[in-house]
N, C-alpha and C. Protein backbone atom coordinates (compact mmCIF):
# COMPACT_ATOMS: atom_id res chain seq x y z
N MET A 1 138.97 -83.23 -32.16
CA MET A 1 138.13 -83.15 -33.32
C MET A 1 137.05 -84.22 -33.22
N LYS A 2 135.83 -83.80 -33.49
CA LYS A 2 134.70 -84.72 -33.39
C LYS A 2 134.68 -85.65 -34.61
N ARG A 3 134.54 -86.92 -34.35
CA ARG A 3 134.51 -87.91 -35.43
C ARG A 3 133.10 -88.03 -35.97
N ARG A 4 133.00 -87.96 -37.29
CA ARG A 4 131.69 -88.04 -37.94
C ARG A 4 131.35 -89.49 -38.25
N GLY A 5 130.09 -89.81 -38.12
CA GLY A 5 129.63 -91.14 -38.48
C GLY A 5 129.46 -91.25 -39.98
N PRO A 6 129.01 -92.39 -40.43
CA PRO A 6 128.82 -92.57 -41.87
C PRO A 6 127.73 -91.64 -42.40
N GLU A 7 127.91 -91.19 -43.63
CA GLU A 7 126.93 -90.33 -44.27
C GLU A 7 125.67 -91.15 -44.58
N PRO A 8 124.51 -90.56 -44.41
CA PRO A 8 123.29 -91.30 -44.75
C PRO A 8 123.18 -91.52 -46.25
N VAL A 9 122.60 -92.64 -46.62
CA VAL A 9 122.38 -92.98 -48.02
C VAL A 9 120.89 -92.84 -48.30
N HIS A 10 120.55 -92.00 -49.26
CA HIS A 10 119.16 -91.84 -49.65
C HIS A 10 118.87 -92.87 -50.73
N ALA A 11 117.84 -93.67 -50.50
CA ALA A 11 117.52 -94.76 -51.41
C ALA A 11 116.02 -94.80 -51.67
N LEU A 12 115.66 -95.54 -52.70
CA LEU A 12 114.25 -95.77 -53.00
C LEU A 12 113.97 -97.26 -52.93
N GLU A 13 112.89 -97.60 -52.28
CA GLU A 13 112.40 -98.97 -52.27
C GLU A 13 111.40 -99.08 -53.41
N ILE A 14 111.71 -99.93 -54.38
CA ILE A 14 110.88 -100.08 -55.56
C ILE A 14 110.16 -101.42 -55.49
N PRO A 15 108.85 -101.40 -55.29
CA PRO A 15 108.13 -102.68 -55.21
C PRO A 15 107.88 -103.27 -56.60
N THR A 16 108.26 -104.52 -56.75
CA THR A 16 107.85 -105.28 -57.93
C THR A 16 107.03 -106.43 -57.36
N GLY A 17 106.39 -107.17 -58.19
CA GLY A 17 105.55 -108.25 -57.68
C GLY A 17 106.34 -109.32 -56.97
N ALA A 18 107.56 -109.58 -57.42
CA ALA A 18 108.34 -110.69 -56.88
C ALA A 18 109.20 -110.28 -55.69
N VAL A 19 109.85 -109.14 -55.80
CA VAL A 19 110.81 -108.72 -54.79
C VAL A 19 110.86 -107.19 -54.79
N ALA A 20 111.11 -106.61 -53.64
CA ALA A 20 111.28 -105.16 -53.56
C ALA A 20 112.76 -104.85 -53.75
N LEU A 21 113.05 -103.87 -54.60
CA LEU A 21 114.42 -103.47 -54.87
C LEU A 21 114.77 -102.26 -54.02
N LEU A 22 116.03 -102.14 -53.66
CA LEU A 22 116.53 -100.98 -52.95
C LEU A 22 117.68 -100.41 -53.76
N VAL A 23 117.49 -99.18 -54.27
CA VAL A 23 118.50 -98.55 -55.11
C VAL A 23 118.78 -97.14 -54.61
N PRO A 24 120.01 -96.66 -54.77
CA PRO A 24 120.29 -95.28 -54.39
C PRO A 24 119.44 -94.31 -55.21
N SER A 25 118.93 -93.30 -54.57
CA SER A 25 118.09 -92.31 -55.26
C SER A 25 118.83 -91.67 -56.42
N ALA A 26 120.14 -91.55 -56.32
CA ALA A 26 120.93 -90.92 -57.38
C ALA A 26 120.90 -91.71 -58.69
N CYS A 27 120.48 -92.96 -58.66
CA CYS A 27 120.39 -93.79 -59.87
C CYS A 27 119.12 -93.53 -60.67
N ILE A 28 118.15 -92.86 -60.03
CA ILE A 28 116.82 -92.70 -60.63
C ILE A 28 116.71 -91.35 -61.32
N ALA A 29 116.35 -91.38 -62.60
CA ALA A 29 116.14 -90.14 -63.35
C ALA A 29 114.74 -89.60 -63.09
N GLU A 30 113.74 -90.47 -63.10
CA GLU A 30 112.36 -90.01 -62.91
C GLU A 30 111.44 -91.21 -62.67
N VAL A 31 110.38 -90.95 -61.93
CA VAL A 31 109.29 -91.92 -61.73
C VAL A 31 108.10 -91.38 -62.51
N ILE A 32 107.59 -92.20 -63.44
CA ILE A 32 106.51 -91.72 -64.32
C ILE A 32 105.33 -92.68 -64.29
N ASN A 33 104.19 -92.15 -64.71
CA ASN A 33 103.01 -92.99 -64.88
C ASN A 33 103.21 -93.86 -66.11
N PRO A 34 102.70 -95.08 -66.08
CA PRO A 34 102.84 -95.94 -67.26
C PRO A 34 102.19 -95.30 -68.48
N GLY A 35 102.86 -95.44 -69.59
CA GLY A 35 102.36 -94.92 -70.86
C GLY A 35 102.31 -96.03 -71.88
N GLU A 36 102.25 -95.60 -73.11
CA GLU A 36 102.19 -96.56 -74.20
C GLU A 36 103.49 -97.34 -74.29
N LEU A 37 103.35 -98.63 -74.51
CA LEU A 37 104.50 -99.53 -74.59
C LEU A 37 104.56 -100.10 -76.00
N ALA A 38 105.65 -99.82 -76.71
CA ALA A 38 105.83 -100.33 -78.07
C ALA A 38 106.65 -101.61 -78.01
N PRO A 39 106.28 -102.60 -78.81
CA PRO A 39 107.07 -103.85 -78.81
C PRO A 39 108.46 -103.61 -79.39
N LEU A 40 109.39 -104.42 -78.97
CA LEU A 40 110.76 -104.33 -79.46
C LEU A 40 111.12 -105.69 -80.05
N PRO A 41 111.02 -105.82 -81.38
CA PRO A 41 111.29 -107.12 -82.02
C PRO A 41 112.70 -107.62 -81.74
N CYS A 42 112.84 -108.90 -81.61
CA CYS A 42 114.12 -109.58 -81.42
C CYS A 42 114.79 -109.26 -80.08
N ALA A 43 114.08 -108.65 -79.15
CA ALA A 43 114.64 -108.33 -77.84
C ALA A 43 114.53 -109.56 -76.94
N PRO A 44 115.37 -109.66 -75.92
CA PRO A 44 115.22 -110.75 -74.96
C PRO A 44 113.84 -110.67 -74.29
N ALA A 45 113.38 -111.78 -73.76
CA ALA A 45 112.05 -111.84 -73.14
C ALA A 45 111.90 -110.88 -71.96
N TRP A 46 113.00 -110.53 -71.32
CA TRP A 46 112.92 -109.65 -70.16
C TRP A 46 112.82 -108.17 -70.55
N VAL A 47 112.97 -107.85 -71.82
CA VAL A 47 112.70 -106.49 -72.30
C VAL A 47 111.26 -106.52 -72.81
N THR A 48 110.36 -105.89 -72.06
CA THR A 48 108.94 -105.98 -72.39
C THR A 48 108.52 -105.02 -73.48
N GLY A 49 109.38 -104.08 -73.85
CA GLY A 49 109.08 -103.13 -74.90
C GLY A 49 109.85 -101.85 -74.70
N VAL A 50 109.40 -100.81 -75.39
CA VAL A 50 110.06 -99.51 -75.34
C VAL A 50 109.02 -98.46 -74.97
N ILE A 51 109.40 -97.56 -74.07
CA ILE A 51 108.52 -96.45 -73.72
C ILE A 51 109.12 -95.16 -74.27
N GLY A 52 108.27 -94.18 -74.49
CA GLY A 52 108.74 -92.86 -74.86
C GLY A 52 108.90 -92.02 -73.61
N TRP A 53 110.08 -91.46 -73.43
CA TRP A 53 110.35 -90.63 -72.25
C TRP A 53 111.24 -89.48 -72.68
N ARG A 54 110.74 -88.26 -72.54
CA ARG A 54 111.51 -87.05 -72.86
C ARG A 54 112.17 -87.14 -74.24
N SER A 55 111.37 -87.50 -75.22
CA SER A 55 111.81 -87.62 -76.62
C SER A 55 112.87 -88.71 -76.82
N ARG A 56 112.89 -89.69 -75.94
CA ARG A 56 113.84 -90.80 -76.05
C ARG A 56 113.06 -92.12 -76.06
N ALA A 57 113.62 -93.10 -76.73
CA ALA A 57 113.10 -94.47 -76.66
C ALA A 57 113.87 -95.17 -75.55
N VAL A 58 113.14 -95.62 -74.53
CA VAL A 58 113.77 -96.23 -73.36
C VAL A 58 113.25 -97.66 -73.20
N PRO A 59 114.16 -98.65 -73.15
CA PRO A 59 113.69 -100.03 -72.97
C PRO A 59 113.12 -100.23 -71.56
N LEU A 60 112.02 -100.98 -71.51
CA LEU A 60 111.39 -101.33 -70.23
C LEU A 60 111.81 -102.76 -69.90
N VAL A 61 112.52 -102.91 -68.80
CA VAL A 61 113.09 -104.19 -68.39
C VAL A 61 112.29 -104.76 -67.22
N SER A 62 111.82 -105.97 -67.37
CA SER A 62 111.11 -106.65 -66.28
C SER A 62 112.14 -107.32 -65.37
N PHE A 63 112.30 -106.79 -64.17
CA PHE A 63 113.25 -107.38 -63.23
C PHE A 63 112.79 -108.78 -62.83
N GLU A 64 111.47 -108.98 -62.81
CA GLU A 64 110.93 -110.31 -62.47
C GLU A 64 111.36 -111.34 -63.52
N ARG A 65 111.28 -110.97 -64.79
CA ARG A 65 111.70 -111.90 -65.85
C ARG A 65 113.19 -112.15 -65.80
N LEU A 66 113.97 -111.13 -65.45
CA LEU A 66 115.41 -111.32 -65.30
C LEU A 66 115.70 -112.39 -64.25
N LEU A 67 114.89 -112.44 -63.20
CA LEU A 67 115.06 -113.41 -62.12
C LEU A 67 114.34 -114.72 -62.40
N ALA A 68 113.75 -114.84 -63.60
CA ALA A 68 113.00 -116.04 -63.99
C ALA A 68 111.81 -116.28 -63.05
N LEU A 69 111.14 -115.19 -62.68
CA LEU A 69 109.94 -115.26 -61.84
C LEU A 69 108.75 -114.79 -62.66
N PRO A 70 107.53 -115.17 -62.27
CA PRO A 70 106.36 -114.72 -63.03
C PRO A 70 106.15 -113.22 -62.90
N ASP A 71 105.69 -112.61 -64.00
CA ASP A 71 105.38 -111.18 -64.00
C ASP A 71 104.19 -110.88 -63.11
N SER A 72 104.20 -109.73 -62.49
CA SER A 72 103.02 -109.28 -61.75
C SER A 72 102.16 -108.44 -62.69
N ALA A 73 100.87 -108.50 -62.47
CA ALA A 73 99.96 -107.73 -63.32
C ALA A 73 100.03 -106.25 -62.95
N PRO A 74 99.94 -105.36 -63.94
CA PRO A 74 99.94 -103.93 -63.63
C PRO A 74 98.71 -103.58 -62.79
N THR A 75 98.88 -102.60 -61.95
CA THR A 75 97.79 -102.12 -61.11
C THR A 75 97.55 -100.65 -61.38
N ALA A 76 96.52 -100.10 -60.79
CA ALA A 76 96.24 -98.67 -60.94
C ALA A 76 97.36 -97.83 -60.34
N ARG A 77 98.13 -98.41 -59.42
CA ARG A 77 99.21 -97.68 -58.76
C ARG A 77 100.57 -97.92 -59.41
N SER A 78 100.63 -98.69 -60.49
CA SER A 78 101.90 -99.01 -61.15
C SER A 78 102.61 -97.75 -61.65
N LYS A 79 103.91 -97.83 -61.67
CA LYS A 79 104.77 -96.74 -62.16
C LYS A 79 105.88 -97.33 -63.00
N PHE A 80 106.50 -96.49 -63.83
CA PHE A 80 107.73 -96.85 -64.53
C PHE A 80 108.85 -96.05 -63.86
N ILE A 81 109.92 -96.73 -63.52
CA ILE A 81 111.06 -96.09 -62.88
C ILE A 81 112.16 -95.98 -63.94
N VAL A 82 112.51 -94.76 -64.32
CA VAL A 82 113.53 -94.53 -65.34
C VAL A 82 114.87 -94.34 -64.63
N PHE A 83 115.84 -95.16 -65.03
CA PHE A 83 117.17 -95.12 -64.45
C PHE A 83 118.11 -94.32 -65.34
N TYR A 84 119.06 -93.62 -64.69
CA TYR A 84 120.14 -92.99 -65.44
C TYR A 84 120.98 -94.08 -66.08
N PRO A 85 121.75 -93.74 -67.11
CA PRO A 85 122.65 -94.74 -67.70
C PRO A 85 123.63 -95.28 -66.65
N LEU A 86 123.91 -96.56 -66.76
CA LEU A 86 124.85 -97.20 -65.83
C LEU A 86 126.27 -96.72 -66.11
N PRO A 87 127.16 -96.79 -65.12
CA PRO A 87 128.54 -96.34 -65.33
C PRO A 87 129.17 -97.05 -66.54
N GLY A 88 129.83 -96.26 -67.37
CA GLY A 88 130.48 -96.79 -68.56
C GLY A 88 129.58 -96.86 -69.78
N CYS A 89 128.30 -96.54 -69.62
CA CYS A 89 127.36 -96.55 -70.75
C CYS A 89 127.31 -95.17 -71.40
N LYS A 90 126.72 -95.13 -72.55
CA LYS A 90 126.56 -93.87 -73.27
C LYS A 90 125.56 -92.99 -72.51
N PRO A 91 125.67 -91.66 -72.62
CA PRO A 91 124.78 -90.76 -71.87
C PRO A 91 123.31 -90.90 -72.22
N TRP A 92 122.98 -91.51 -73.32
CA TRP A 92 121.58 -91.66 -73.73
C TRP A 92 121.02 -93.05 -73.42
N GLU A 93 121.79 -93.93 -72.81
CA GLU A 93 121.36 -95.31 -72.58
C GLU A 93 120.59 -95.46 -71.25
N PHE A 94 119.46 -94.78 -71.17
CA PHE A 94 118.57 -94.92 -70.03
C PHE A 94 117.84 -96.25 -70.15
N PHE A 95 117.31 -96.75 -69.06
CA PHE A 95 116.42 -97.90 -69.07
C PHE A 95 115.39 -97.71 -67.97
N ALA A 96 114.33 -98.47 -68.03
CA ALA A 96 113.26 -98.33 -67.03
C ALA A 96 112.82 -99.71 -66.56
N ILE A 97 112.26 -99.76 -65.36
CA ILE A 97 111.65 -100.99 -64.88
C ILE A 97 110.24 -100.64 -64.38
N PRO A 98 109.31 -101.56 -64.50
CA PRO A 98 107.97 -101.30 -63.95
C PRO A 98 107.93 -101.62 -62.46
N SER A 99 107.14 -100.88 -61.73
CA SER A 99 106.91 -101.18 -60.31
C SER A 99 105.42 -101.34 -60.11
N THR A 100 105.06 -102.01 -59.03
CA THR A 100 103.65 -102.23 -58.76
C THR A 100 103.01 -101.08 -57.98
N ALA A 101 103.85 -100.16 -57.50
CA ALA A 101 103.35 -99.00 -56.74
C ALA A 101 104.42 -97.92 -56.74
N GLU A 102 104.08 -96.79 -56.20
CA GLU A 102 105.02 -95.67 -56.07
C GLU A 102 106.20 -96.09 -55.18
N PRO A 103 107.43 -95.81 -55.61
CA PRO A 103 108.59 -96.12 -54.76
C PRO A 103 108.53 -95.32 -53.46
N GLN A 104 109.10 -95.91 -52.41
CA GLN A 104 109.13 -95.26 -51.10
C GLN A 104 110.57 -94.86 -50.76
N THR A 105 110.71 -93.68 -50.19
CA THR A 105 112.02 -93.19 -49.79
C THR A 105 112.51 -93.92 -48.55
N ARG A 106 113.77 -94.28 -48.56
CA ARG A 106 114.44 -94.87 -47.40
C ARG A 106 115.72 -94.11 -47.16
N ILE A 107 116.03 -93.84 -45.93
CA ILE A 107 117.31 -93.22 -45.58
C ILE A 107 118.05 -94.21 -44.70
N LEU A 108 119.17 -94.68 -45.19
CA LEU A 108 120.00 -95.63 -44.44
C LEU A 108 121.12 -94.84 -43.79
N ASP A 109 121.05 -94.73 -42.48
CA ASP A 109 122.06 -93.94 -41.78
C ASP A 109 122.82 -94.74 -40.73
N GLY A 110 122.63 -96.05 -40.73
CA GLY A 110 123.34 -96.88 -39.77
C GLY A 110 122.59 -97.09 -38.48
N THR A 111 121.56 -96.30 -38.20
CA THR A 111 120.83 -96.46 -36.94
C THR A 111 119.82 -97.60 -37.01
N ASP A 112 119.35 -97.93 -38.21
CA ASP A 112 118.37 -99.01 -38.30
C ASP A 112 119.04 -100.37 -38.45
N ALA A 113 120.36 -100.40 -38.45
CA ALA A 113 121.16 -101.62 -38.47
C ALA A 113 120.64 -102.66 -39.46
N PRO A 114 120.71 -102.35 -40.75
CA PRO A 114 120.29 -103.37 -41.72
C PRO A 114 121.23 -104.57 -41.67
N ALA A 115 120.67 -105.73 -41.88
CA ALA A 115 121.47 -106.96 -41.88
C ALA A 115 121.40 -107.59 -43.26
N THR A 116 122.48 -108.19 -43.67
CA THR A 116 122.44 -108.89 -44.94
C THR A 116 121.58 -110.13 -44.77
N SER A 117 120.96 -110.52 -45.86
CA SER A 117 120.07 -111.67 -45.85
C SER A 117 120.55 -112.69 -46.86
N THR A 118 120.46 -113.95 -46.49
CA THR A 118 120.83 -115.02 -47.42
C THR A 118 119.63 -115.48 -48.23
N GLU A 119 118.47 -114.89 -47.96
CA GLU A 119 117.24 -115.27 -48.65
C GLU A 119 117.33 -115.09 -50.17
N LEU A 120 118.05 -114.08 -50.62
CA LEU A 120 118.19 -113.81 -52.04
C LEU A 120 119.57 -114.17 -52.58
N ALA A 121 120.38 -114.80 -51.76
CA ALA A 121 121.75 -115.12 -52.15
C ALA A 121 121.78 -116.04 -53.37
N GLY A 122 122.74 -115.79 -54.22
CA GLY A 122 122.93 -116.65 -55.38
C GLY A 122 122.06 -116.31 -56.57
N LYS A 123 121.15 -115.36 -56.44
CA LYS A 123 120.29 -114.98 -57.56
C LYS A 123 121.08 -114.05 -58.47
N ARG A 124 121.02 -114.36 -59.74
CA ARG A 124 121.69 -113.51 -60.72
C ARG A 124 120.99 -112.16 -60.74
N PHE A 125 121.70 -111.11 -60.94
CA PHE A 125 121.23 -109.73 -61.01
C PHE A 125 120.91 -109.14 -59.63
N ILE A 126 121.19 -109.87 -58.56
CA ILE A 126 121.02 -109.32 -57.20
C ILE A 126 122.38 -109.38 -56.51
N ALA A 127 122.88 -108.20 -56.12
CA ALA A 127 124.18 -108.13 -55.45
C ALA A 127 124.08 -108.68 -54.04
N MET A 128 123.00 -108.31 -53.35
CA MET A 128 122.79 -108.80 -51.99
C MET A 128 121.38 -108.51 -51.54
N GLY A 129 120.95 -109.22 -50.52
CA GLY A 129 119.68 -108.95 -49.87
C GLY A 129 119.93 -108.19 -48.59
N LEU A 130 119.06 -107.26 -48.29
CA LEU A 130 119.21 -106.43 -47.09
C LEU A 130 117.94 -106.54 -46.29
N LYS A 131 118.07 -106.91 -45.03
CA LYS A 131 116.90 -107.06 -44.17
C LYS A 131 116.71 -105.77 -43.37
N LEU A 132 115.59 -105.11 -43.62
CA LEU A 132 115.24 -103.88 -42.89
C LEU A 132 113.93 -104.18 -42.15
N GLY A 133 114.02 -104.30 -40.85
CA GLY A 133 112.83 -104.70 -40.09
C GLY A 133 112.47 -106.13 -40.47
N ARG A 134 111.23 -106.33 -40.92
CA ARG A 134 110.81 -107.66 -41.35
C ARG A 134 110.91 -107.86 -42.85
N GLU A 135 111.26 -106.80 -43.57
CA GLU A 135 111.35 -106.86 -45.03
C GLU A 135 112.75 -107.24 -45.49
N VAL A 136 112.79 -107.99 -46.58
CA VAL A 136 114.05 -108.27 -47.25
C VAL A 136 114.01 -107.56 -48.59
N LEU A 137 114.95 -106.65 -48.79
CA LEU A 137 115.02 -105.88 -50.03
C LEU A 137 116.23 -106.35 -50.85
N ALA A 138 116.09 -106.34 -52.15
CA ALA A 138 117.16 -106.78 -53.04
C ALA A 138 117.91 -105.57 -53.58
N ILE A 139 119.21 -105.60 -53.47
CA ILE A 139 120.05 -104.57 -54.06
C ILE A 139 120.53 -105.13 -55.40
N PRO A 140 120.16 -104.48 -56.50
CA PRO A 140 120.53 -105.01 -57.82
C PRO A 140 122.03 -105.03 -58.04
N ASP A 141 122.47 -106.00 -58.82
CA ASP A 141 123.85 -106.10 -59.25
C ASP A 141 123.95 -105.32 -60.56
N PHE A 142 124.34 -104.06 -60.48
CA PHE A 142 124.36 -103.19 -61.65
C PHE A 142 125.37 -103.64 -62.70
N ALA A 143 126.47 -104.26 -62.28
CA ALA A 143 127.45 -104.76 -63.25
C ALA A 143 126.84 -105.89 -64.09
N ALA A 144 126.13 -106.81 -63.47
CA ALA A 144 125.46 -107.90 -64.21
C ALA A 144 124.35 -107.35 -65.08
N LEU A 145 123.64 -106.36 -64.57
CA LEU A 145 122.56 -105.74 -65.35
C LEU A 145 123.14 -105.03 -66.59
N LYS A 146 124.25 -104.34 -66.41
CA LYS A 146 124.89 -103.66 -67.54
C LYS A 146 125.35 -104.68 -68.59
N ALA A 147 125.91 -105.79 -68.14
CA ALA A 147 126.38 -106.82 -69.08
C ALA A 147 125.21 -107.42 -69.86
N ALA A 148 124.05 -107.54 -69.23
CA ALA A 148 122.88 -108.09 -69.92
C ALA A 148 122.26 -107.06 -70.86
N LEU A 149 122.17 -105.82 -70.42
CA LEU A 149 121.55 -104.78 -71.23
C LEU A 149 122.41 -104.35 -72.41
N TYR A 150 123.70 -104.26 -72.20
CA TYR A 150 124.60 -103.73 -73.23
C TYR A 150 125.75 -104.72 -73.46
N PRO A 151 125.45 -105.87 -74.09
CA PRO A 151 126.49 -106.89 -74.29
C PRO A 151 127.60 -106.45 -75.23
């Protein structure tokens, strides 16, 4: 019997001003053009406001502010990335993060031999850094993100 290698993982590289994130494509509900942003009183500083998406109010979370880094300015290529609710959350608890450009598809199949990176080690909300070629991408710590979003 022929032994199968690991299944490829389809992911999206999401550029933010501070760090590029790498998330499984299955976590993403939709990539949308930036729209109107309503303020959210009494929210933490890393929640920049609320966007309207498919008749829902979705909080916009600045990953840069979560990491205590300066925000990047929006560009003409900026997008909002809407995430499905995290495991254990209510079915309507979507959230979004801004990106500085359109996310890029990545397929991790073991042939490109990604290496873990210590460059992002110890940062809260980052599970690990992954070095792909010359780039270091951050894999978010979804458990820490869930604890911050839904205390």
